[in-house]
């Protein structure tokens, strides 16, 4: 029989329960910051400033729409200057 700690580890997370390759519709604060590859403190600051980074509430949970996070990144990319022909080259 599994003890409580082993039982907890055996359960998949909510994100793991999704089929592979399917992003969640809503992300937690930590997941949203990780998606943008920034810290949660910077994410909090950006959330206060940008309309696309406004959360939604489901009960007591505060979550960010995945589509809005993607739209925010696309908006940042579109705002980059286009004069540098090497700007998009990955090293």
N, C-alpha and C. Protein backbone atom coordinates (compact mmCIF):
# COMPACT_ATOMS: atom_id res chain seq x y z
N UNK A 1 0.84 -1.18 0.00
CA UNK A 1 0.00 0.00 0.00
C UNK A 1 0.89 1.25 0.00
N UNK A 2 0.47 2.28 -0.74
CA UNK A 2 1.24 3.52 -0.83
C UNK A 2 0.96 4.41 0.36
N UNK A 3 2.02 5.08 0.87
CA UNK A 3 1.78 6.08 1.91
C UNK A 3 1.31 7.36 1.24
N UNK A 4 0.96 8.37 2.02
CA UNK A 4 0.38 9.62 1.47
C UNK A 4 1.33 10.31 0.50
N UNK A 5 2.63 10.33 0.81
CA UNK A 5 3.60 11.00 -0.07
C UNK A 5 3.73 10.26 -1.39
N UNK A 6 3.77 8.95 -1.35
CA UNK A 6 3.89 8.16 -2.58
C UNK A 6 2.61 8.27 -3.40
N UNK A 7 1.47 8.29 -2.73
CA UNK A 7 0.20 8.42 -3.42
C UNK A 7 0.12 9.75 -4.15
N UNK A 8 0.59 10.82 -3.50
CA UNK A 8 0.57 12.15 -4.11
C UNK A 8 1.45 12.18 -5.37
N UNK A 9 2.62 11.56 -5.29
CA UNK A 9 3.54 11.53 -6.44
C UNK A 9 2.98 10.71 -7.58
N UNK A 10 2.16 9.73 -7.28
CA UNK A 10 1.63 8.85 -8.32
C UNK A 10 0.56 9.53 -9.16
N UNK A 11 -0.08 10.56 -8.61
CA UNK A 11 -1.13 11.25 -9.36
C UNK A 11 -0.52 12.22 -10.35
N UNK A 12 -1.01 12.22 -11.59
CA UNK A 12 -0.50 13.22 -12.55
C UNK A 12 -1.01 14.60 -12.18
N UNK A 13 -0.22 15.63 -12.53
CA UNK A 13 -0.69 17.00 -12.30
C UNK A 13 -1.81 17.30 -13.28
N UNK A 14 -2.49 18.41 -13.07
CA UNK A 14 -3.57 18.79 -13.96
C UNK A 14 -3.06 18.99 -15.38
N UNK A 15 -1.85 19.56 -15.50
CA UNK A 15 -1.28 19.79 -16.83
C UNK A 15 -0.90 18.46 -17.47
N UNK A 16 -0.37 17.53 -16.66
CA UNK A 16 0.01 16.22 -17.20
C UNK A 16 -1.19 15.43 -17.67
N UNK A 17 -2.37 15.75 -17.18
CA UNK A 17 -3.58 15.03 -17.57
C UNK A 17 -4.01 15.39 -19.00
N UNK A 18 -3.49 16.48 -19.55
CA UNK A 18 -3.82 16.86 -20.92
C UNK A 18 -3.05 15.99 -21.91
N UNK A 19 -3.60 15.76 -23.09
CA UNK A 19 -2.85 15.02 -24.11
C UNK A 19 -1.55 15.76 -24.45
N UNK A 20 -0.53 15.02 -24.82
CA UNK A 20 0.76 15.61 -25.17
C UNK A 20 0.57 16.60 -26.32
N UNK A 21 1.17 17.77 -26.16
CA UNK A 21 1.10 18.80 -27.19
C UNK A 21 -0.09 19.74 -27.07
N UNK A 22 -0.97 19.48 -26.14
CA UNK A 22 -2.14 20.35 -25.95
C UNK A 22 -1.86 21.28 -24.78
N UNK A 23 -1.73 22.58 -25.04
CA UNK A 23 -1.48 23.51 -23.92
C UNK A 23 -2.75 23.72 -23.11
N UNK A 24 -2.61 24.05 -21.85
CA UNK A 24 -3.80 24.34 -21.04
C UNK A 24 -4.44 25.64 -21.53
N UNK A 25 -5.74 25.75 -21.38
CA UNK A 25 -6.43 26.99 -21.76
C UNK A 25 -6.11 28.11 -20.80
N UNK A 26 -5.90 27.78 -19.53
CA UNK A 26 -5.60 28.76 -18.50
C UNK A 26 -4.35 28.33 -17.75
N UNK A 27 -3.53 29.30 -17.36
CA UNK A 27 -2.27 29.01 -16.67
C UNK A 27 -2.23 29.75 -15.34
N UNK A 28 -1.58 29.13 -14.38
CA UNK A 28 -1.36 29.81 -13.10
C UNK A 28 -0.34 30.93 -13.29
N UNK A 29 -0.17 31.71 -12.25
CA UNK A 29 0.82 32.80 -12.28
C UNK A 29 2.21 32.25 -12.56
N UNK A 30 2.61 31.21 -11.84
CA UNK A 30 3.94 30.63 -12.02
C UNK A 30 4.09 30.02 -13.41
N UNK A 31 3.06 29.33 -13.90
CA UNK A 31 3.12 28.75 -15.24
C UNK A 31 3.20 29.84 -16.31
N UNK A 32 2.45 30.93 -16.11
CA UNK A 32 2.47 32.04 -17.08
C UNK A 32 3.85 32.69 -17.13
N UNK A 33 4.43 32.92 -15.97
CA UNK A 33 5.78 33.51 -15.92
C UNK A 33 6.78 32.56 -16.57
N UNK A 34 6.67 31.27 -16.27
CA UNK A 34 7.59 30.29 -16.87
C UNK A 34 7.43 30.24 -18.38
N UNK A 35 6.20 30.33 -18.87
CA UNK A 35 5.94 30.33 -20.31
C UNK A 35 6.66 31.50 -20.98
N UNK A 36 6.67 32.66 -20.32
CA UNK A 36 7.33 33.85 -20.87
C UNK A 36 8.82 33.87 -20.54
N UNK A 37 9.29 32.89 -19.76
CA UNK A 37 10.70 32.78 -19.36
C UNK A 37 11.16 33.98 -18.55
N UNK A 38 10.27 34.42 -17.65
CA UNK A 38 10.58 35.52 -16.75
C UNK A 38 10.20 35.10 -15.33
N UNK A 39 10.61 35.86 -14.36
CA UNK A 39 10.25 35.58 -12.98
C UNK A 39 8.85 36.06 -12.66
N UNK A 40 8.32 35.56 -11.57
CA UNK A 40 6.95 35.93 -11.19
C UNK A 40 6.82 37.40 -10.80
N UNK A 41 7.89 37.98 -10.25
CA UNK A 41 7.83 39.40 -9.88
C UNK A 41 7.71 40.28 -11.12
N UNK A 42 8.52 40.01 -12.14
CA UNK A 42 8.43 40.76 -13.39
C UNK A 42 7.08 40.50 -14.05
N UNK A 43 6.60 39.27 -13.99
CA UNK A 43 5.29 38.96 -14.57
C UNK A 43 4.20 39.77 -13.89
N UNK A 44 4.27 39.90 -12.56
CA UNK A 44 3.28 40.71 -11.83
C UNK A 44 3.31 42.16 -12.31
N UNK A 45 4.50 42.70 -12.50
CA UNK A 45 4.63 44.08 -12.98
C UNK A 45 4.03 44.24 -14.37
N UNK A 46 4.34 43.30 -15.26
CA UNK A 46 3.82 43.37 -16.62
C UNK A 46 2.30 43.20 -16.64
N UNK A 47 1.78 42.35 -15.74
CA UNK A 47 0.33 42.12 -15.67
C UNK A 47 -0.42 43.40 -15.32
N UNK A 48 0.20 44.23 -14.50
CA UNK A 48 -0.44 45.50 -14.11
C UNK A 48 -0.45 46.50 -15.26
N UNK A 49 0.51 46.38 -16.20
CA UNK A 49 0.68 47.36 -17.25
C UNK A 49 0.02 47.00 -18.57
N UNK A 50 -0.15 45.71 -18.84
CA UNK A 50 -0.57 45.30 -20.19
C UNK A 50 -1.94 44.63 -20.17
N UNK A 51 -2.86 45.10 -21.03
CA UNK A 51 -4.21 44.54 -21.04
C UNK A 51 -4.26 43.05 -21.42
N UNK A 52 -3.34 42.58 -22.26
CA UNK A 52 -3.35 41.17 -22.63
C UNK A 52 -2.97 40.26 -21.48
N UNK A 53 -2.34 40.81 -20.47
CA UNK A 53 -1.89 39.99 -19.34
C UNK A 53 -2.80 40.11 -18.13
N UNK A 54 -4.07 40.41 -18.38
CA UNK A 54 -5.03 40.49 -17.28
C UNK A 54 -5.57 39.10 -16.99
N UNK A 55 -5.65 38.73 -15.73
CA UNK A 55 -6.13 37.39 -15.37
C UNK A 55 -7.65 37.30 -15.40
N UNK A 56 -8.11 36.06 -15.36
CA UNK A 56 -9.53 35.77 -15.17
C UNK A 56 -9.67 35.02 -13.86
N UNK A 57 -10.84 35.08 -13.27
CA UNK A 57 -11.09 34.37 -12.02
C UNK A 57 -12.07 33.24 -12.27
N UNK A 58 -11.75 32.10 -11.71
CA UNK A 58 -12.68 30.97 -11.68
C UNK A 58 -12.75 30.57 -10.21
N UNK A 59 -13.84 30.92 -9.58
CA UNK A 59 -13.93 30.72 -8.14
C UNK A 59 -12.88 31.58 -7.46
N UNK A 60 -12.05 30.95 -6.66
CA UNK A 60 -10.99 31.70 -5.98
C UNK A 60 -9.68 31.68 -6.76
N UNK A 61 -9.63 30.92 -7.86
CA UNK A 61 -8.41 30.82 -8.65
C UNK A 61 -8.24 32.03 -9.56
N UNK A 62 -7.02 32.51 -9.69
CA UNK A 62 -6.66 33.59 -10.61
C UNK A 62 -5.78 32.95 -11.67
N UNK A 63 -6.24 33.01 -12.92
CA UNK A 63 -5.56 32.32 -14.01
C UNK A 63 -5.42 33.23 -15.22
N UNK A 64 -4.43 32.92 -16.06
CA UNK A 64 -4.17 33.71 -17.25
C UNK A 64 -4.45 32.87 -18.48
N UNK A 65 -5.23 33.41 -19.44
CA UNK A 65 -5.52 32.68 -20.67
C UNK A 65 -4.23 32.45 -21.49
N UNK A 66 -4.00 31.21 -21.86
CA UNK A 66 -2.83 30.84 -22.65
C UNK A 66 -2.79 31.64 -23.95
N UNK A 67 -3.95 31.80 -24.60
CA UNK A 67 -4.00 32.55 -25.87
C UNK A 67 -3.53 33.99 -25.68
N UNK A 68 -3.83 34.59 -24.55
CA UNK A 68 -3.38 35.97 -24.29
C UNK A 68 -1.87 36.03 -24.11
N UNK A 69 -1.30 35.00 -23.49
CA UNK A 69 0.15 34.96 -23.33
C UNK A 69 0.83 34.88 -24.69
N UNK A 70 0.29 34.03 -25.56
CA UNK A 70 0.84 33.90 -26.92
C UNK A 70 0.67 35.21 -27.67
N UNK A 71 -0.48 35.85 -27.56
CA UNK A 71 -0.71 37.13 -28.23
C UNK A 71 0.25 38.20 -27.73
N UNK A 72 0.54 38.19 -26.43
CA UNK A 72 1.49 39.15 -25.86
C UNK A 72 2.87 38.96 -26.48
N UNK A 73 3.32 37.73 -26.61
CA UNK A 73 4.64 37.46 -27.22
C UNK A 73 4.65 37.90 -28.68
N UNK A 74 3.57 37.63 -29.40
CA UNK A 74 3.50 38.05 -30.81
C UNK A 74 3.53 39.58 -30.92
N UNK A 75 2.85 40.24 -30.00
CA UNK A 75 2.85 41.70 -29.99
C UNK A 75 4.26 42.24 -29.75
N UNK A 76 4.99 41.61 -28.83
CA UNK A 76 6.37 42.03 -28.57
C UNK A 76 7.23 41.83 -29.80
N UNK A 77 7.04 40.69 -30.46
CA UNK A 77 7.84 40.40 -31.65
C UNK A 77 7.54 41.40 -32.76
N UNK A 78 6.26 41.75 -32.94
CA UNK A 78 5.88 42.71 -33.97
C UNK A 78 6.42 44.10 -33.68
N UNK A 79 6.67 44.41 -32.42
CA UNK A 79 7.17 45.73 -32.04
C UNK A 79 8.68 45.85 -32.20
N UNK A 80 9.37 44.73 -32.45
CA UNK A 80 10.83 44.78 -32.61
C UNK A 80 11.19 45.53 -33.90
N UNK A 81 12.29 46.27 -33.88
CA UNK A 81 12.72 46.95 -35.10
C UNK A 81 13.10 45.93 -36.17
N UNK A 82 12.79 46.24 -37.40
CA UNK A 82 13.05 45.33 -38.52
C UNK A 82 14.29 45.71 -39.32
N UNK A 83 15.06 46.72 -38.89
CA UNK A 83 16.22 47.16 -39.67
C UNK A 83 17.38 46.16 -39.61
N UNK A 84 17.45 45.37 -38.54
CA UNK A 84 18.57 44.47 -38.34
C UNK A 84 18.31 43.14 -39.03
N UNK A 85 18.95 42.88 -40.19
CA UNK A 85 18.69 41.64 -40.91
C UNK A 85 19.15 40.40 -40.14
N UNK A 86 20.04 40.57 -39.15
CA UNK A 86 20.53 39.43 -38.39
C UNK A 86 19.83 39.28 -37.04
N UNK A 87 18.85 40.11 -36.78
CA UNK A 87 18.18 40.11 -35.49
C UNK A 87 17.45 38.83 -35.15
N UNK A 88 17.03 38.07 -36.15
CA UNK A 88 16.27 36.85 -35.89
C UNK A 88 17.12 35.59 -36.03
N UNK A 89 18.42 35.75 -36.19
CA UNK A 89 19.29 34.59 -36.32
C UNK A 89 19.59 34.04 -34.94
N UNK A 90 19.33 32.77 -34.75
CA UNK A 90 19.62 32.11 -33.47
C UNK A 90 21.06 31.64 -33.47
N UNK A 91 21.71 31.79 -32.33
CA UNK A 91 23.09 31.35 -32.21
C UNK A 91 23.13 30.08 -31.40
